[in-house]
């Protein structure tokens, strides 16, 4: 039996791990580059990714479900009461899209939307949207600030963990007149 000193065994393991990481980084970049090329030249998502933006790389189960349903992008409107932070958060609307960049790709077929709800995907996406909405930020916090006041945000969810997603931006709900 050949005895390999521990140092050489650890060195071999470290080299193997480094090679695997480099290989996965190359595969990831190739994947991101393919997505960038698939987007229209004037796409906001494409521009952000060309400038080096990317997602967090954390794959979530609902991403697979979105892919299975032919959904690439979801926009979820979340409303809340602002009182030293978002409170009483509630989902107002959910919009599904077959593509990443085209608003005309919205999925509106009633039976398809019912199927998405029936498998529980919509509920999981709503929960994720509320979780992410808490981390949003104000672009134009109203002055003077009424206390409390109604506000909202759009949360964007994509089917791929490497795509850049902008943080939710808050806005104030203004009462409709008439």
Protein backbone atom coordinates (compact mmCIF):
# COMPACT_ATOMS: atom_id res chain seq x y z
CA UNK A 1 0.00 0.00 0.00
CA UNK A 2 1.32 3.42 -0.99
CA UNK A 3 1.16 6.07 1.69
CA UNK A 4 0.60 9.60 0.44
CA UNK A 5 1.64 12.37 2.81
CA UNK A 6 -1.33 14.40 4.05
CA UNK A 7 0.10 17.59 2.55
CA UNK A 8 0.01 16.17 -0.99
CA UNK A 9 -3.49 14.78 -0.48
CA UNK A 10 -4.76 18.20 0.69
CA UNK A 11 -2.95 19.91 -2.19
CA UNK A 12 -4.63 17.59 -4.70
CA UNK A 13 -8.05 18.23 -3.16
CA UNK A 14 -7.54 22.01 -3.17
CA UNK A 15 -6.36 21.97 -6.79
CA UNK A 16 -9.37 19.88 -7.81
CA UNK A 17 -11.79 22.23 -6.02
CA UNK A 18 -10.15 25.28 -7.62
CA UNK A 19 -10.39 23.71 -11.08
CA UNK A 20 -14.10 22.92 -10.53
CA UNK A 21 -14.80 26.49 -9.36
CA UNK A 22 -13.01 27.96 -12.38
CA UNK A 23 -14.93 25.65 -14.70
CA UNK A 24 -18.28 26.60 -13.14
CA UNK A 25 -17.37 30.32 -13.36
CA UNK A 26 -16.67 29.90 -17.09
CA UNK A 27 -19.97 28.03 -17.56
CA UNK A 28 -21.84 30.72 -15.62
CA UNK A 29 -20.29 33.51 -17.71
CA UNK A 30 -21.14 31.66 -20.92
CA UNK A 31 -24.74 31.30 -19.68
CA UNK A 32 -24.95 35.02 -18.80
CA UNK A 33 -23.44 35.99 -22.18
CA UNK A 34 -26.04 33.84 -23.97
CA UNK A 35 -28.85 35.61 -22.11
CA UNK A 36 -27.36 39.04 -22.87
CA UNK A 37 -27.22 38.21 -26.60
CA UNK A 38 -30.85 37.05 -26.50
CA UNK A 39 -32.09 40.41 -25.16
CA UNK A 40 -32.96 43.38 -27.38
CA UNK A 41 -30.13 45.95 -27.66
CA UNK A 42 -32.23 48.62 -25.91
CA UNK A 43 -33.27 46.35 -23.02
CA UNK A 44 -32.66 47.77 -19.54
CA UNK A 45 -31.78 44.28 -18.33
CA UNK A 46 -29.24 43.84 -21.13
CA UNK A 47 -27.61 47.19 -20.35
CA UNK A 48 -27.33 46.36 -16.65
CA UNK A 49 -25.79 42.97 -17.39
CA UNK A 50 -23.38 44.35 -19.97
CA UNK A 51 -22.14 46.73 -17.27
CA UNK A 52 -21.40 43.74 -15.03
CA UNK A 53 -24.65 43.45 -13.08
CA UNK A 54 -25.76 39.96 -12.14
CA UNK A 55 -28.02 38.13 -9.75
CA UNK A 56 -27.01 36.64 -6.42
CA UNK A 57 -26.49 33.15 -7.85
CA UNK A 58 -28.88 31.60 -5.32
CA UNK A 59 -31.21 29.19 -7.09
CA UNK A 60 -34.72 28.99 -5.67
CA UNK A 61 -37.28 26.24 -6.29
CA UNK A 62 -39.89 28.66 -7.64
CA UNK A 63 -37.48 29.52 -10.49
CA UNK A 64 -37.79 25.95 -11.78
CA UNK A 65 -41.56 26.16 -11.48
CA UNK A 66 -41.56 29.41 -13.45
CA UNK A 67 -39.53 27.74 -16.21
CA UNK A 68 -41.92 24.78 -16.27
CA UNK A 69 -44.82 27.19 -16.76
CA UNK A 70 -43.04 29.19 -19.50
CA UNK A 71 -42.70 32.24 -17.24
CA UNK A 72 -39.47 34.22 -17.40
CA UNK A 73 -40.46 37.34 -15.48
CA UNK A 74 -43.07 38.26 -12.89
CA UNK A 75 -43.99 41.73 -11.66
CA UNK A 76 -45.81 41.86 -8.35
CA UNK A 77 -47.32 45.05 -6.97
CA UNK A 78 -47.10 45.20 -3.19
CA UNK A 79 -48.93 47.87 -1.20
CA UNK A 80 -48.26 48.75 2.41
CA UNK A 81 -48.77 51.31 5.12
CA UNK A 82 -45.61 53.31 5.83
CA UNK A 83 -45.16 53.83 9.53
CA UNK A 84 -41.45 53.76 10.41
CA UNK A 85 -41.12 51.07 7.73
CA UNK A 86 -43.50 49.05 5.57
CA UNK A 87 -46.39 47.51 7.54
CA UNK A 88 -49.55 45.62 6.57
CA UNK A 89 -48.05 44.48 3.28
CA UNK A 90 -50.48 43.16 0.68
CA UNK A 91 -50.16 41.99 -2.92
CA UNK A 92 -52.36 44.05 -5.27
CA UNK A 93 -51.46 42.62 -8.70
CA UNK A 94 -49.38 39.89 -10.30
CA UNK A 95 -48.28 40.11 -13.94
CA UNK A 96 -46.57 37.20 -15.72
CA UNK A 97 -44.34 37.50 -18.80
CA UNK A 98 -43.01 34.94 -21.27
CA UNK A 99 -39.89 37.07 -21.91
CA UNK A 100 -37.46 39.18 -19.91
CA UNK A 101 -37.77 42.48 -21.74
CA UNK A 102 -40.99 42.86 -23.69
CA UNK A 103 -44.14 44.15 -21.98
CA UNK A 104 -46.12 42.64 -24.88
CA UNK A 105 -45.13 39.17 -23.64
CA UNK A 106 -47.60 39.36 -20.76
CA UNK A 107 -49.43 36.07 -20.16
CA UNK A 108 -53.15 36.74 -19.97
CA UNK A 109 -54.79 33.40 -20.83
CA UNK A 110 -57.28 32.73 -18.00
CA UNK A 111 -56.79 28.95 -18.00
CA UNK A 112 -53.02 29.32 -17.86
CA UNK A 113 -53.26 31.79 -14.96
CA UNK A 114 -55.63 29.44 -13.13
CA UNK A 115 -53.13 26.59 -13.58
CA UNK A 116 -50.36 28.75 -12.11
CA UNK A 117 -52.56 29.44 -9.09
CA UNK A 118 -53.67 25.80 -8.79
CA UNK A 119 -50.12 24.49 -8.35
CA UNK A 120 -49.44 27.10 -5.65
CA UNK A 121 -46.78 28.94 -7.65
CA UNK A 122 -48.54 32.30 -7.44
CA UNK A 123 -48.71 32.06 -3.65
CA UNK A 124 -44.99 31.25 -3.39
CA UNK A 125 -44.16 34.18 -5.68
CA UNK A 126 -46.33 36.51 -3.59
CA UNK A 127 -44.54 35.43 -0.43
CA UNK A 128 -41.16 36.03 -2.07
CA UNK A 129 -42.30 39.46 -3.30
CA UNK A 130 -43.37 40.54 0.18
CA UNK A 131 -40.05 39.28 1.60
CA UNK A 132 -38.12 41.31 -0.98
CA UNK A 133 -40.35 44.39 -0.74
CA UNK A 134 -39.28 44.93 2.86
CA UNK A 135 -35.78 45.72 1.54
CA UNK A 136 -36.96 48.40 -0.88
CA UNK A 137 -36.01 52.06 -0.80
CA UNK A 138 -37.52 55.50 -1.35
CA UNK A 139 -36.78 57.54 -4.44
CA UNK A 140 -38.89 60.49 -3.38
CA UNK A 141 -40.06 60.30 0.21
CA UNK A 142 -42.94 62.75 0.55
CA UNK A 143 -42.56 65.99 2.46
CA UNK A 144 -44.32 66.71 4.72
CA UNK A 145 -44.86 63.10 5.59
CA UNK A 146 -48.35 62.13 6.62
CA UNK A 147 -48.35 59.52 9.36
CA UNK A 148 -49.11 56.79 8.44
CA UNK A 149 -49.55 56.80 4.66
CA UNK A 150 -50.18 54.31 1.88
CA UNK A 151 -47.31 53.34 -0.39
CA UNK A 152 -46.37 50.61 -2.82
CA UNK A 153 -43.70 49.03 -4.96
CA UNK A 154 -43.24 46.64 -7.85
CA UNK A 155 -41.13 43.55 -7.12
CA UNK A 156 -39.56 41.83 -10.13
CA UNK A 157 -38.83 38.10 -10.02
CA UNK A 158 -36.90 36.30 -12.77
CA UNK A 159 -36.50 32.60 -13.54
CA UNK A 160 -32.70 32.67 -13.41
CA UNK A 161 -30.47 33.31 -10.40
CA UNK A 162 -27.78 35.02 -12.48
CA UNK A 163 -30.00 37.77 -13.91
CA UNK A 164 -29.75 41.17 -12.29
CA UNK A 165 -32.86 42.30 -10.40
CA UNK A 166 -33.17 45.88 -9.20
CA UNK A 167 -34.27 46.43 -5.61
CA UNK A 168 -37.88 47.55 -5.15
CA UNK A 169 -38.42 51.33 -5.20
CA UNK A 170 -41.21 52.71 -3.06
CA UNK A 171 -43.79 55.24 -4.16
CA UNK A 172 -46.68 56.98 -2.43
CA UNK A 173 -50.22 56.00 -3.37
CA UNK A 174 -52.13 59.12 -4.24
CA UNK A 175 -55.90 59.08 -3.83
CA UNK A 176 -57.79 59.06 -7.11
CA UNK A 177 -60.16 61.96 -7.55
CA UNK A 178 -63.51 61.87 -9.18
